[in-house]
Amino acid sequence: MNKLSNSVIGLLNFLTLLGSIPIIGGALWMARNSTTCEAFLQTPLLVLGFLVLLISLAGFVGACFNVTWALWLYLFAMLLLIATLLGFTLFGLVVASKGGGGGDGGEHRFGDYSVWLRNRVNNPQYWVTVKSCILGSNTCNQVSSWTPLNYLQKQITPIQAGCCKPPASCTENVQDPDCYRWNGVPNVLCYDCISCKAGVLETARRDWHKLTVLNIVMLIFLISVYSIGCCAFRNTKRAQTDYAHGENRMIKIQPTWDHKMRRWLEDRRELY
């Protein structure tokens, strides 16, 4: 029974090792795909995939082959990963907690989102990259032929609502600066509008929310694996210290037949 935890931790780490492969593949695909506008999610996903791969490999080797130093490294790295993931999850909860209230025409208000997200899209260099991404994805081409009835019947994304059509406030004769930024040219439209930035932030907020839910599930799983790993480490260390040359399975140090034979010989010596 004392080897059960080693077998369980080995199996779990083998499964997580296999699970890290699609994580890394997905991050690499996102990095190569020009239609992915949220580049800041690619790097954490790629780093997470490689960390899970290396940590799972160390845990698998340590548990299955009784390598104490590999299990010690595995537990230390797992503890750091849990702490990092916990901080990343708390950060995601803060980021995803603000915003989400849709206005007229599916538009969102820029000021409703967290300061960190707003500062990121207000960076001119970053926004140029986002605009190029939206143009390359042909997102606005899908709604260019829509009629007013289509806007009521079809589901419009936050980016389409904020970047591909004139702001809804312009129809109310409100002096909205976005009204002057709008242009019907396909490569201009409302890409420099505040409403477009709000649409990007809403898309990012939704993805951060999904990622945060996944992180919570992963945290629960990793903490459970870490607990089992501590048991495996204790078993491996005990096997190497108490049984350096292999576990002694002999029930008695001296068998009964040997003891009786020695007593018989001693009795014979006394008689003679």
Protein backbone atom coordinates (compact mmCIF):
# COMPACT_ATOMS: atom_id res chain seq x y z
CA MET A 1 0.00 0.00 0.00
CA ASN A 2 2.93 2.34 0.61
CA LYS A 3 3.62 2.34 -3.14
CA LEU A 4 0.06 3.25 -4.08
CA SER A 5 0.76 6.99 -3.95
CA ASN A 6 3.78 6.50 -6.25
CA SER A 7 1.66 4.69 -8.81
CA VAL A 8 -1.12 7.28 -8.63
CA ILE A 9 1.26 10.24 -8.94
CA GLY A 10 3.01 8.53 -11.85
CA LEU A 11 -0.29 7.97 -13.66
CA LEU A 12 -1.53 11.52 -13.00
CA ASN A 13 1.72 13.06 -14.22
CA PHE A 14 1.67 10.91 -17.33
CA LEU A 15 -1.84 12.21 -18.10
CA THR A 16 -0.84 15.83 -17.44
CA LEU A 17 2.27 15.32 -19.59
CA LEU A 18 0.03 14.26 -22.46
CA GLY A 19 -2.33 17.15 -21.68
CA SER A 20 0.49 19.69 -21.98
CA ILE A 21 0.99 18.82 -25.65
CA PRO A 22 -2.33 20.34 -26.89
CA ILE A 23 -1.71 23.38 -24.64
CA ILE A 24 1.64 24.04 -26.31
CA GLY A 25 0.18 23.29 -29.74
CA GLY A 26 -2.71 25.68 -29.17
CA ALA A 27 -0.36 28.46 -28.07
CA LEU A 28 1.86 27.96 -31.13
CA TRP A 29 -1.20 27.96 -33.38
CA MET A 30 -2.41 31.21 -31.81
CA ALA A 31 1.02 32.77 -32.35
CA ARG A 32 0.97 31.88 -36.05
CA ASN A 33 -2.68 32.77 -36.64
CA SER A 34 -3.00 36.40 -37.78
CA THR A 35 -6.69 36.55 -36.87
CA THR A 36 -6.00 36.16 -33.14
CA CYS A 37 -6.18 39.67 -31.69
CA GLU A 38 -5.35 38.95 -28.07
CA ALA A 39 -1.63 38.29 -28.30
CA PHE A 40 -1.15 38.84 -24.56
CA LEU A 41 -2.90 35.51 -23.92
CA GLN A 42 -0.48 33.55 -26.13
CA THR A 43 2.68 33.93 -24.06
CA PRO A 44 1.17 32.87 -20.70
CA LEU A 45 -0.47 29.88 -22.40
CA LEU A 46 2.81 28.81 -24.02
CA VAL A 47 4.79 29.21 -20.79
CA LEU A 48 2.14 27.28 -18.87
CA GLY A 49 2.26 24.41 -21.37
CA PHE A 50 6.04 24.03 -21.13
CA LEU A 51 5.98 24.29 -17.33
CA VAL A 52 3.35 21.56 -17.07
CA LEU A 53 5.39 19.39 -19.48
CA LEU A 54 8.65 19.71 -17.53
CA ILE A 55 7.05 19.37 -14.10
CA SER A 56 5.00 16.34 -15.14
CA LEU A 57 8.10 14.68 -16.60
CA ALA A 58 10.04 15.19 -13.35
CA GLY A 59 7.13 13.85 -11.29
CA PHE A 60 6.67 10.82 -13.55
CA VAL A 61 10.36 9.86 -13.42
CA GLY A 62 10.63 10.45 -9.69
CA ALA A 63 7.52 8.47 -8.77
CA CYS A 64 8.01 5.52 -11.12
CA PHE A 65 11.77 5.07 -10.66
CA ASN A 66 12.08 6.16 -7.00
CA VAL A 67 14.36 9.10 -7.84
CA THR A 68 14.30 11.26 -4.73
CA TRP A 69 15.93 14.36 -6.22
CA ALA A 70 13.49 14.33 -9.17
CA LEU A 71 10.51 14.17 -6.80
CA TRP A 72 11.98 16.95 -4.66
CA LEU A 73 12.44 19.12 -7.77
CA TYR A 74 8.92 18.19 -8.87
CA LEU A 75 7.34 19.22 -5.56
CA PHE A 76 9.30 22.50 -5.45
CA ALA A 77 8.35 23.38 -9.04
CA MET A 78 4.74 22.33 -8.41
CA LEU A 79 4.56 24.63 -5.39
CA LEU A 80 5.85 27.55 -7.48
CA LEU A 81 3.39 26.70 -10.25
CA ILE A 82 0.46 26.63 -7.80
CA ALA A 83 1.51 29.99 -6.33
CA THR A 84 1.92 31.53 -9.80
CA LEU A 85 -1.38 30.14 -11.01
CA LEU A 86 -3.11 31.43 -7.89
CA GLY A 87 -1.77 34.94 -8.51
CA PHE A 88 -2.71 34.70 -12.19
CA THR A 89 -6.23 33.60 -11.22
CA LEU A 90 -6.70 36.45 -8.75
CA PHE A 91 -5.46 38.89 -11.38
CA GLY A 92 -7.92 37.44 -13.88
CA LEU A 93 -10.78 37.81 -11.40
CA VAL A 94 -9.94 41.50 -10.97
CA VAL A 95 -9.65 42.06 -14.73
CA ALA A 96 -12.85 40.19 -15.59
CA SER A 97 -14.92 41.71 -12.79
CA LYS A 98 -15.41 45.08 -14.51
CA GLY A 99 -17.25 45.82 -17.73
CA GLY A 100 -19.72 43.72 -19.62
CA GLY A 101 -22.65 46.12 -19.67
CA GLY A 102 -23.79 46.48 -23.26
CA GLY A 103 -25.25 49.71 -24.58
CA ASP A 104 -27.18 50.63 -27.71
CA GLY A 105 -26.38 48.54 -30.77
CA GLY A 106 -24.33 46.07 -28.77
CA GLU A 107 -21.68 48.69 -27.97
CA HIS A 108 -19.86 48.82 -24.65
CA ARG A 109 -18.61 51.69 -22.52
CA PHE A 110 -14.84 52.08 -22.42
CA GLY A 111 -14.78 53.51 -18.91
CA ASP A 112 -16.41 50.43 -17.38
CA TYR A 113 -13.30 48.26 -17.76
CA SER A 114 -10.27 47.88 -15.52
CA VAL A 115 -7.50 50.45 -15.64
CA TRP A 116 -4.94 47.82 -16.69
CA LEU A 117 -6.95 46.84 -19.79
CA ARG A 118 -7.67 50.45 -20.71
CA ASN A 119 -4.03 51.44 -20.45
CA ARG A 120 -3.06 48.51 -22.64
CA VAL A 121 -5.32 49.42 -25.57
CA ASN A 122 -4.47 53.12 -25.17
CA ASN A 123 -0.87 52.24 -25.99
CA PRO A 124 -0.53 53.43 -29.63
CA GLN A 125 1.96 50.72 -30.55
CA TYR A 126 -0.26 47.97 -29.20
CA TRP A 127 -3.37 49.40 -30.83
CA VAL A 128 -1.71 49.42 -34.27
CA THR A 129 -1.13 45.68 -33.85
CA VAL A 130 -4.77 45.13 -32.83
CA LYS A 131 -6.09 47.12 -35.80
CA SER A 132 -3.94 45.12 -38.20
CA CYS A 133 -5.27 41.95 -36.64
CA ILE A 134 -8.91 43.01 -37.00
CA LEU A 135 -8.33 44.00 -40.61
CA GLY A 136 -6.66 40.68 -41.35
CA SER A 137 -9.52 38.73 -39.81
CA ASN A 138 -12.08 40.32 -42.17
CA THR A 139 -14.42 40.71 -39.20
CA CYS A 140 -16.14 43.78 -40.61
CA ASN A 141 -16.63 42.26 -44.07
CA GLN A 142 -19.25 39.97 -42.56
CA VAL A 143 -21.50 42.85 -41.52
CA SER A 144 -20.90 45.22 -44.44
CA SER A 145 -23.92 43.85 -46.33
CA TRP A 146 -26.25 43.60 -43.34
CA THR A 147 -29.59 45.38 -43.36
CA PRO A 148 -31.12 46.99 -40.25
CA LEU A 149 -33.22 43.86 -39.88
CA ASN A 150 -30.09 41.71 -39.84
CA TYR A 151 -28.75 43.68 -36.89
CA LEU A 152 -31.87 42.73 -34.96
CA GLN A 153 -31.92 39.07 -35.99
CA LYS A 154 -28.23 38.11 -35.96
CA GLN A 155 -25.77 37.95 -33.12
CA ILE A 156 -23.22 40.74 -33.38
CA THR A 157 -19.87 40.50 -31.63
CA PRO A 158 -18.49 43.32 -29.46
CA ILE A 159 -15.76 44.07 -32.03
CA GLN A 160 -18.29 44.21 -34.88
CA ALA A 161 -20.54 46.50 -32.84
CA GLY A 162 -17.75 48.88 -31.91
CA CYS A 163 -15.47 48.84 -34.95
CA CYS A 164 -17.54 48.06 -38.04
CA LYS A 165 -20.47 50.49 -37.91
CA PRO A 166 -21.11 54.12 -36.94
CA PRO A 167 -21.60 54.62 -33.19
CA ALA A 168 -25.23 54.40 -32.12
CA SER A 169 -24.94 57.80 -30.42
CA CYS A 170 -24.39 59.52 -33.77
CA THR A 171 -28.02 58.96 -34.73
CA GLU A 172 -29.11 60.96 -31.67
CA ASN A 173 -27.19 64.10 -32.69
CA VAL A 174 -24.89 63.70 -29.71
CA GLN A 175 -21.49 65.32 -30.05
CA ASP A 176 -19.61 62.07 -29.66
CA PRO A 177 -15.95 62.27 -30.85
CA ASP A 178 -16.40 58.82 -32.39
CA CYS A 179 -18.84 60.36 -34.89
CA TYR A 180 -15.95 62.29 -36.42
CA ARG A 181 -13.65 59.29 -36.39
CA TRP A 182 -16.08 57.15 -38.40
CA ASN A 183 -15.37 56.76 -42.10
CA GLY A 184 -17.06 54.41 -44.57
CA VAL A 185 -13.72 53.43 -46.18
CA PRO A 186 -13.26 49.68 -45.55
CA ASN A 187 -9.80 50.02 -44.01
CA VAL A 188 -10.83 52.96 -41.76
CA LEU A 189 -14.43 52.50 -40.55
CA CYS A 190 -14.39 53.03 -36.77
CA TYR A 191 -11.07 51.33 -35.98
CA ASP A 192 -9.80 54.43 -34.16
CA CYS A 193 -13.02 54.89 -32.19
CA ILE A 194 -13.30 54.53 -28.43
CA SER A 195 -16.19 52.16 -29.08
CA CYS A 196 -13.83 49.89 -31.04
CA LYS A 197 -11.40 49.77 -28.14
CA ALA A 198 -14.31 48.97 -25.83
CA GLY A 199 -15.31 46.10 -28.11
CA VAL A 200 -11.79 44.67 -27.96
CA LEU A 201 -11.81 45.00 -24.17
CA GLU A 202 -15.14 43.21 -23.91
CA THR A 203 -13.81 40.34 -26.02
CA ALA A 204 -10.71 40.17 -23.84
CA ARG A 205 -12.80 40.30 -20.67
CA ARG A 206 -14.91 37.34 -21.78
CA ASP A 207 -11.80 35.31 -22.63
CA TRP A 208 -10.19 36.22 -19.32
CA HIS A 209 -13.36 35.07 -17.55
CA LYS A 210 -13.23 31.68 -19.29
CA LEU A 211 -9.51 31.39 -18.55
CA THR A 212 -10.09 32.20 -14.89
CA VAL A 213 -12.69 29.44 -14.54
CA LEU A 214 -10.22 27.01 -16.14
CA ASN A 215 -7.48 28.20 -13.78
CA ILE A 216 -9.66 27.51 -10.73
CA VAL A 217 -10.28 23.95 -11.93
CA MET A 218 -6.55 23.49 -12.58
CA LEU A 219 -5.71 24.84 -9.12
CA ILE A 220 -7.96 22.28 -7.44
CA PHE A 221 -6.42 19.51 -9.55
CA LEU A 222 -2.81 20.63 -8.95
CA ILE A 223 -3.30 20.93 -5.19
CA SER A 224 -4.68 17.38 -5.12
CA VAL A 225 -1.75 16.09 -7.19
CA TYR A 226 0.69 17.97 -4.96
CA SER A 227 -0.74 16.29 -1.86
CA ILE A 228 -0.33 12.85 -3.42
CA GLY A 229 3.17 13.84 -4.55
CA CYS A 230 4.16 14.56 -0.95
CA CYS A 231 3.17 11.00 -0.03
CA ALA A 232 5.16 9.61 -2.97
CA PHE A 233 8.20 11.65 -1.93
CA ARG A 234 7.99 10.33 1.65
CA ASN A 235 7.70 6.73 0.41
CA THR A 236 10.65 7.11 -1.96
CA LYS A 237 12.85 8.69 0.71
CA ARG A 238 11.93 5.96 3.20
CA ALA A 239 12.76 3.26 0.65
CA GLN A 240 16.23 4.70 0.08
CA THR A 241 17.08 5.31 3.75
CA ASP A 242 15.53 2.30 5.49
CA TYR A 243 16.18 -0.23 2.71
CA ALA A 244 19.31 0.95 0.93
CA HIS A 245 19.91 -2.54 -0.54
CA GLY A 246 16.27 -3.38 -1.13
CA GLU A 247 13.41 -4.06 1.22
CA ASN A 248 13.96 -6.98 3.62
CA ARG A 249 10.89 -9.15 3.42
CA MET A 250 12.12 -11.88 5.89
CA ILE A 251 9.64 -12.14 8.73
CA LYS A 252 12.19 -13.37 11.32
CA ILE A 253 15.90 -12.71 11.50
CA GLN A 254 16.63 -16.30 12.61
CA PRO A 255 14.42 -19.14 11.30
CA THR A 256 13.02 -21.60 13.81
CA TRP A 257 14.82 -24.60 12.33
CA ASP A 258 18.22 -22.94 12.75
CA HIS A 259 17.54 -22.10 16.37
CA LYS A 260 16.51 -25.69 17.16
CA MET A 261 19.58 -27.09 15.37
CA ARG A 262 21.93 -24.90 17.40
CA ARG A 263 20.26 -25.94 20.66
CA TRP A 264 20.57 -29.62 19.68
CA LEU A 265 24.28 -29.24 18.98
CA GLU A 266 24.87 -27.48 22.30
CA ASP A 267 23.04 -30.29 24.16
CA ARG A 268 25.22 -32.90 22.44
CA ARG A 269 28.37 -31.07 23.55
CA GLU A 270 27.22 -31.08 27.17
CA LEU A 271 26.61 -34.84 27.12
CA TYR A 272 30.11 -35.53 25.88
